[in-house]
Amino acid sequence: MDNLLWSAFSWLMTALSLAGAYIIVKVDNRKHVIGLWLWIFANTGWIIINIKAGIPAQSVLYVAYLYLTGKGLWERRGKHV
């Protein structure tokens, strides 16, 4: 059951990552922030998955992605183009 749960969690993180990318690229600028929030949740999930899987280098990569996404969200605050 544990493997099934982690598999489902990784598919959910994949879906969130793809949805975030789609929203950022294709949806109007006001909803761009929603894509960033999806990426924040997905990157956090990927960090957990990679730590559990024993892949520290990839965990560090997703920490960097999380930082960059958070920085992008911070820089967009109050900007409704």
Protein backbone atom coordinates (compact mmCIF):
# COMPACT_ATOMS: atom_id res chain seq x y z
CA MET A 1 0.00 0.00 0.00
CA ASP A 2 2.88 2.35 0.76
CA ASN A 3 4.20 2.12 -2.81
CA LEU A 4 0.73 2.74 -4.22
CA LEU A 5 0.33 5.85 -2.07
CA TRP A 6 3.73 7.24 -3.13
CA SER A 7 2.97 6.45 -6.76
CA ALA A 8 -0.34 8.31 -6.54
CA PHE A 9 1.39 11.23 -4.79
CA SER A 10 4.06 11.44 -7.52
CA TRP A 11 1.37 11.42 -10.24
CA LEU A 12 -0.45 14.21 -8.41
CA MET A 13 2.78 16.25 -8.26
CA THR A 14 3.27 15.62 -11.99
CA ALA A 15 -0.25 16.86 -12.73
CA LEU A 16 0.27 19.97 -10.57
CA SER A 17 3.59 20.72 -12.29
CA LEU A 18 2.05 20.43 -15.75
CA ALA A 19 -1.04 22.43 -14.78
CA GLY A 20 1.16 25.19 -13.36
CA ALA A 21 3.24 25.32 -16.53
CA TYR A 22 0.13 25.43 -18.72
CA ILE A 23 -1.43 28.24 -16.69
CA ILE A 24 1.77 30.30 -16.76
CA VAL A 25 2.18 29.89 -20.52
CA LYS A 26 -1.37 29.90 -21.86
CA VAL A 27 -3.74 31.65 -19.46
CA ASP A 28 -4.15 35.41 -19.06
CA ASN A 29 -1.68 37.31 -16.94
CA ARG A 30 -3.88 37.68 -13.83
CA LYS A 31 -4.04 33.92 -13.40
CA HIS A 32 -0.25 33.60 -13.79
CA VAL A 33 -0.01 33.65 -9.97
CA ILE A 34 -2.18 30.51 -9.77
CA GLY A 35 0.41 28.68 -11.88
CA LEU A 36 3.16 29.83 -9.54
CA TRP A 37 1.23 28.56 -6.52
CA LEU A 38 0.72 25.19 -8.23
CA TRP A 39 4.47 25.02 -8.84
CA ILE A 40 5.16 25.84 -5.17
CA PHE A 41 2.95 22.94 -4.04
CA ALA A 42 4.35 20.60 -6.70
CA ASN A 43 7.99 21.49 -5.98
CA THR A 44 7.42 20.91 -2.26
CA GLY A 45 5.92 17.52 -3.06
CA TRP A 46 8.84 16.63 -5.34
CA ILE A 47 11.29 17.54 -2.58
CA ILE A 48 9.52 15.10 -0.25
CA ILE A 49 9.38 12.37 -2.91
CA ASN A 50 13.08 12.74 -3.77
CA ILE A 51 14.18 12.73 -0.13
CA LYS A 52 12.13 9.56 0.49
CA ALA A 53 13.60 7.98 -2.67
CA GLY A 54 17.13 8.81 -1.53
CA ILE A 55 17.92 11.19 -4.39
CA PRO A 56 19.53 14.17 -2.61
CA ALA A 57 20.82 15.89 -5.77
CA GLN A 58 17.34 16.03 -7.25
CA SER A 59 15.97 17.24 -3.91
CA VAL A 60 18.42 20.15 -4.07
CA LEU A 61 17.29 20.86 -7.64
CA TYR A 62 13.66 21.12 -6.51
CA VAL A 63 14.67 23.31 -3.56
CA ALA A 64 16.22 25.67 -6.14
CA TYR A 65 13.02 25.52 -8.23
CA LEU A 66 10.99 26.25 -5.11
CA TYR A 67 13.18 29.25 -4.30
CA LEU A 68 12.91 30.63 -7.85
CA THR A 69 9.15 30.12 -7.94
CA GLY A 70 8.75 31.83 -4.56
CA LYS A 71 10.95 34.69 -5.76
CA GLY A 72 8.79 35.04 -8.88
CA LEU A 73 5.64 35.08 -6.78
CA TRP A 74 7.14 37.67 -4.43
CA GLU A 75 8.15 39.91 -7.33
CA ARG A 76 4.65 39.72 -8.88
CA ARG A 77 2.80 40.74 -5.72
CA GLY A 78 0.50 43.65 -6.43
CA LYS A 79 1.09 43.47 -10.22
CA HIS A 80 -2.15 42.84 -12.09
CA VAL A 81 -1.26 43.53 -15.69
